[in-house]
Amino acid sequence: MSSSIETFRSSEVSKRFGFFYDEAMTHPIAVERNGAARVVMLSAAEFERLSRLDHVALAPEELSNEAINAIRNADPVAESYDANKFLD
């Protein structure tokens, strides 16, 4: 699990479920069992937001003109030029 997610043992979560329920409304909570984080508690709103991001890539013809123009006019960050070495 990412270090930015607080992790708690499942036994602790089950004993203090109401507390962790409230905590999960403000930030994700990882639940650990047998030494490994197995599930993450998060608000339904955050789950819905993440679900909307989980989609199949669009074909170019599916992009809006605004999106195409944004891509055409985007300035790459300097670090992206370093990635060119992987193409050689």
Protein backbone atom coordinates (compact mmCIF):
# COMPACT_ATOMS: atom_id res chain seq x y z
CA MET A 1 0.00 0.00 0.00
CA SER A 2 1.05 3.56 -0.55
CA SER A 3 2.53 5.22 2.50
CA SER A 4 -0.06 8.00 2.20
CA ILE A 5 -2.83 5.61 3.23
CA GLU A 6 -3.14 4.88 6.94
CA THR A 7 -3.24 1.13 7.58
CA PHE A 8 -4.98 -0.57 10.51
CA ARG A 9 -5.40 -4.20 11.50
CA SER A 10 -8.78 -5.74 10.76
CA SER A 11 -9.24 -6.64 14.43
CA GLU A 12 -8.90 -2.98 15.40
CA VAL A 13 -11.28 -1.88 12.63
CA SER A 14 -13.90 -4.42 13.68
CA LYS A 15 -13.73 -3.28 17.32
CA ARG A 16 -13.98 0.43 16.43
CA PHE A 17 -15.93 0.27 13.18
CA GLY A 18 -17.86 3.52 13.81
CA PHE A 19 -14.65 5.46 14.29
CA PHE A 20 -13.06 4.09 11.13
CA TYR A 21 -16.30 4.60 9.20
CA ASP A 22 -16.13 8.29 10.07
CA GLU A 23 -12.42 8.45 9.25
CA ALA A 24 -13.02 6.85 5.83
CA MET A 25 -15.42 9.66 5.00
CA THR A 26 -12.47 12.08 4.97
CA HIS A 27 -9.61 9.87 3.74
CA PRO A 28 -9.01 6.26 2.64
CA ILE A 29 -8.26 3.70 5.33
CA ALA A 30 -6.42 0.47 4.45
CA VAL A 31 -7.45 -2.62 6.39
CA GLU A 32 -4.71 -5.15 7.03
CA ARG A 33 -5.17 -8.84 7.63
CA ASN A 34 -2.37 -11.35 8.15
CA GLY A 35 0.20 -8.62 7.62
CA ALA A 36 -1.04 -7.32 4.27
CA ALA A 37 -3.48 -4.58 3.35
CA ARG A 38 -6.43 -6.39 1.77
CA VAL A 39 -9.14 -3.74 1.42
CA VAL A 40 -9.52 0.02 1.53
CA MET A 41 -12.42 1.86 3.15
CA LEU A 42 -13.36 5.11 1.43
CA SER A 43 -16.41 7.28 1.03
CA ALA A 44 -19.02 6.36 -1.57
CA ALA A 45 -18.44 9.73 -3.25
CA GLU A 46 -14.72 8.99 -3.63
CA PHE A 47 -15.49 5.50 -4.94
CA GLU A 48 -17.86 6.98 -7.53
CA ARG A 49 -15.23 9.54 -8.56
CA LEU A 50 -12.61 6.83 -8.99
CA SER A 51 -15.07 4.61 -10.87
CA ARG A 52 -15.62 7.35 -13.42
CA LEU A 53 -11.86 7.48 -14.04
CA ASP A 54 -11.68 3.74 -14.69
CA HIS A 55 -12.55 3.51 -18.35
CA VAL A 56 -11.26 2.24 -21.66
CA ALA A 57 -9.15 4.70 -23.62
CA LEU A 58 -11.01 6.68 -26.23
CA ALA A 59 -10.32 6.44 -29.94
CA PRO A 60 -9.15 9.77 -31.41
CA GLU A 61 -12.49 10.30 -33.17
CA GLU A 62 -14.24 10.06 -29.80
CA LEU A 63 -12.35 13.06 -28.40
CA SER A 64 -13.96 16.47 -28.39
CA ASN A 65 -12.44 19.27 -30.46
CA GLU A 66 -11.56 20.97 -27.18
CA ALA A 67 -9.62 17.90 -26.01
CA ILE A 68 -7.81 17.55 -29.35
CA ASN A 69 -6.82 21.23 -29.29
CA ALA A 70 -5.60 20.90 -25.70
CA ILE A 71 -3.40 17.96 -26.72
CA ARG A 72 -2.08 19.78 -29.79
CA ASN A 73 -1.22 22.87 -27.77
CA ALA A 74 0.20 21.14 -24.70
CA ASP A 75 3.76 21.96 -23.72
CA PRO A 76 5.65 18.85 -22.62
CA VAL A 77 7.51 19.03 -19.33
CA ALA A 78 11.30 19.00 -19.57
CA GLU A 79 11.50 15.50 -18.04
CA SER A 80 9.54 14.06 -20.95
CA TYR A 81 12.46 14.74 -23.30
CA ASP A 82 14.60 12.41 -21.16
CA ALA A 83 12.22 9.57 -22.05
CA ASN A 84 13.25 9.81 -25.72
CA LYS A 85 16.35 7.73 -24.90
CA PHE A 86 14.06 4.74 -24.36
CA LEU A 87 12.81 5.02 -27.94
CA ASP A 88 16.29 4.69 -29.49
